[in-house]
Amino acid sequence: MDIEKTADAIFNSVEAYITKRLAPLQAEVKELRSRPEPHYCGVWTDGTYDPGALVTDHGSMWYCNETTSSRPGSSKSWSLSVKRGVPR
């Protein structure tokens, strides 16, 4: 038995296994990196907001899902991130 051929066969098997197992993780990392980075824009005012914008409106924080000029809570363009609290 040739030790180099055996070592090459083992290496190739391990490499194929690792490549197969890493492929879904690499795809997930690529998708996550393509998402817009959240950035706080302050209290909501009339204007256009891009995906990733975080604004405060009526005491709640909202995340912008798509480019919009609508007010938070009035369309699917916004997702509620933090609901306002109740004063005690």
C-alpha atoms as a PDB file:
ATOM      1  CA  MET A   1       0.000   0.000   0.000  1.00  0.00           C
ATOM      2  CA  ASP A   2       1.357   3.369  -0.999  1.00  0.00           C
ATOM      3  CA  ILE A   3       1.254   5.739   1.977  1.00  0.00           C
ATOM      4  CA  GLU A   4       1.128   8.851  -0.241  1.00  0.00           C
ATOM      5  CA  LYS A   5      -1.936   7.569  -2.115  1.00  0.00           C
ATOM      6  CA  THR A   6      -3.639   6.728   1.165  1.00  0.00           C
ATOM      7  CA  ALA A   7      -2.813  10.159   2.607  1.00  0.00           C
ATOM      8  CA  ASP A   8      -4.097  11.859  -0.572  1.00  0.00           C
ATOM      9  CA  ALA A   9      -7.327   9.843  -0.438  1.00  0.00           C
ATOM     10  CA  ILE A  10      -7.874  10.765   3.217  1.00  0.00           C
ATOM     11  CA  PHE A  11      -7.091  14.424   2.548  1.00  0.00           C
ATOM     12  CA  ASN A  12      -9.487  14.539  -0.421  1.00  0.00           C
ATOM     13  CA  SER A  13     -12.254  12.919   1.627  1.00  0.00           C
ATOM     14  CA  VAL A  14     -11.775  15.330   4.525  1.00  0.00           C
ATOM     15  CA  GLU A  15     -11.624  18.310   2.174  1.00  0.00           C
ATOM     16  CA  ALA A  16     -14.865  17.254   0.424  1.00  0.00           C
ATOM     17  CA  TYR A  17     -16.598  16.744   3.778  1.00  0.00           C
ATOM     18  CA  ILE A  18     -15.522  20.139   5.122  1.00  0.00           C
ATOM     19  CA  THR A  19     -16.453  21.920   1.892  1.00  0.00           C
ATOM     20  CA  LYS A  20     -19.902  20.302   1.945  1.00  0.00           C
ATOM     21  CA  ARG A  21     -20.484  21.199   5.613  1.00  0.00           C
ATOM     22  CA  LEU A  22     -19.251  24.799   5.235  1.00  0.00           C
ATOM     23  CA  ALA A  23     -21.292  25.658   2.116  1.00  0.00           C
ATOM     24  CA  PRO A  24     -24.561  26.429   3.986  1.00  0.00           C
ATOM     25  CA  LEU A  25     -22.691  28.504   6.574  1.00  0.00           C
ATOM     26  CA  GLN A  26     -20.899  30.488   3.881  1.00  0.00           C
ATOM     27  CA  ALA A  27     -24.237  31.161   2.158  1.00  0.00           C
ATOM     28  CA  GLU A  28     -25.761  32.336   5.451  1.00  0.00           C
ATOM     29  CA  VAL A  29     -22.835  34.667   6.188  1.00  0.00           C
ATOM     30  CA  LYS A  30     -23.089  36.121   2.669  1.00  0.00           C
ATOM     31  CA  GLU A  31     -26.823  36.760   3.133  1.00  0.00           C
ATOM     32  CA  LEU A  32     -26.316  38.350   6.562  1.00  0.00           C
ATOM     33  CA  ARG A  33     -23.585  40.643   5.249  1.00  0.00           C
ATOM     34  CA  SER A  34     -25.868  41.814   2.439  1.00  0.00           C
ATOM     35  CA  ARG A  35     -28.446  43.141   4.925  1.00  0.00           C
ATOM     36  CA  PRO A  36     -28.463  46.879   5.614  1.00  0.00           C
ATOM     37  CA  GLU A  37     -26.674  47.924   8.774  1.00  0.00           C
ATOM     38  CA  PRO A  38     -29.029  49.507  11.327  1.00  0.00           C
ATOM     39  CA  HIS A  39     -28.409  53.199  11.982  1.00  0.00           C
ATOM     40  CA  TYR A  40     -30.322  55.562  14.256  1.00  0.00           C
ATOM     41  CA  CYS A  41     -31.805  58.615  12.523  1.00  0.00           C
ATOM     42  CA  GLY A  42     -33.466  60.281  15.516  1.00  0.00           C
ATOM     43  CA  VAL A  43     -37.112  61.215  15.921  1.00  0.00           C
ATOM     44  CA  TRP A  44     -39.193  60.559  12.796  1.00  0.00           C
ATOM     45  CA  THR A  45     -39.821  63.585  10.567  1.00  0.00           C
ATOM     46  CA  ASP A  46     -41.239  63.872   7.073  1.00  0.00           C
ATOM     47  CA  GLY A  47     -38.671  62.585   4.617  1.00  0.00           C
ATOM     48  CA  THR A  48     -37.389  59.464   2.940  1.00  0.00           C
ATOM     49  CA  TYR A  49     -35.836  56.626   4.934  1.00  0.00           C
ATOM     50  CA  ASP A  50     -33.755  53.768   3.571  1.00  0.00           C
ATOM     51  CA  PRO A  51     -33.605  50.166   4.803  1.00  0.00           C
ATOM     52  CA  GLY A  52     -31.780  49.882   8.118  1.00  0.00           C
ATOM     53  CA  ALA A  53     -32.949  53.258   9.435  1.00  0.00           C
ATOM     54  CA  LEU A  54     -34.102  53.270  13.064  1.00  0.00           C
ATOM     55  CA  VAL A  55     -36.380  56.094  14.184  1.00  0.00           C
ATOM     56  CA  THR A  56     -38.302  57.017  17.293  1.00  0.00           C
ATOM     57  CA  ASP A  57     -41.986  57.880  16.864  1.00  0.00           C
ATOM     58  CA  HIS A  58     -44.489  58.445  19.692  1.00  0.00           C
ATOM     59  CA  GLY A  59     -42.050  56.862  22.158  1.00  0.00           C
ATOM     60  CA  SER A  60     -41.486  53.651  20.180  1.00  0.00           C
ATOM     61  CA  MET A  61     -38.507  52.652  18.039  1.00  0.00           C
ATOM     62  CA  TRP A  62     -39.121  51.517  14.470  1.00  0.00           C
ATOM     63  CA  TYR A  63     -36.918  49.711  11.923  1.00  0.00           C
ATOM     64  CA  CYS A  64     -37.197  50.617   8.227  1.00  0.00           C
ATOM     65  CA  ASN A  65     -37.565  47.509   6.010  1.00  0.00           C
ATOM     66  CA  GLU A  66     -37.661  49.257   2.617  1.00  0.00           C
ATOM     67  CA  THR A  67     -37.222  52.750   1.225  1.00  0.00           C
ATOM     68  CA  THR A  68     -40.227  54.774   2.346  1.00  0.00           C
ATOM     69  CA  SER A  69     -41.562  58.181   3.200  1.00  0.00           C
ATOM     70  CA  SER A  70     -44.514  56.807   5.205  1.00  0.00           C
ATOM     71  CA  ARG A  71     -44.888  57.280   8.939  1.00  0.00           C
ATOM     72  CA  PRO A  72     -43.868  54.322  11.129  1.00  0.00           C
ATOM     73  CA  GLY A  73     -46.784  52.031  11.879  1.00  0.00           C
ATOM     74  CA  SER A  74     -48.773  53.096   8.819  1.00  0.00           C
ATOM     75  CA  SER A  75     -47.325  50.560   6.356  1.00  0.00           C
ATOM     76  CA  LYS A  76     -45.341  47.337   6.067  1.00  0.00           C
ATOM     77  CA  SER A  77     -42.261  49.476   5.405  1.00  0.00           C
ATOM     78  CA  TRP A  78     -41.686  49.687   9.157  1.00  0.00           C
ATOM     79  CA  SER A  79     -41.308  47.066  11.904  1.00  0.00           C
ATOM     80  CA  LEU A  80     -41.828  47.892  15.557  1.00  0.00           C
ATOM     81  CA  SER A  81     -38.526  47.288  17.353  1.00  0.00           C
ATOM     82  CA  VAL A  82     -39.223  48.585  20.854  1.00  0.00           C
ATOM     83  CA  LYS A  83     -42.710  49.458  22.087  1.00  0.00           C
ATOM     84  CA  ARG A  84     -43.040  52.547  24.224  1.00  0.00           C
ATOM     85  CA  GLY A  85     -43.320  52.019  27.932  1.00  0.00           C
ATOM     86  CA  VAL A  86     -46.154  52.981  30.233  1.00  0.00           C
ATOM     87  CA  PRO A  87     -45.400  55.775  32.710  1.00  0.00           C
ATOM     88  CA  ARG A  88     -45.675  54.727  36.365  1.00  0.00           C
END
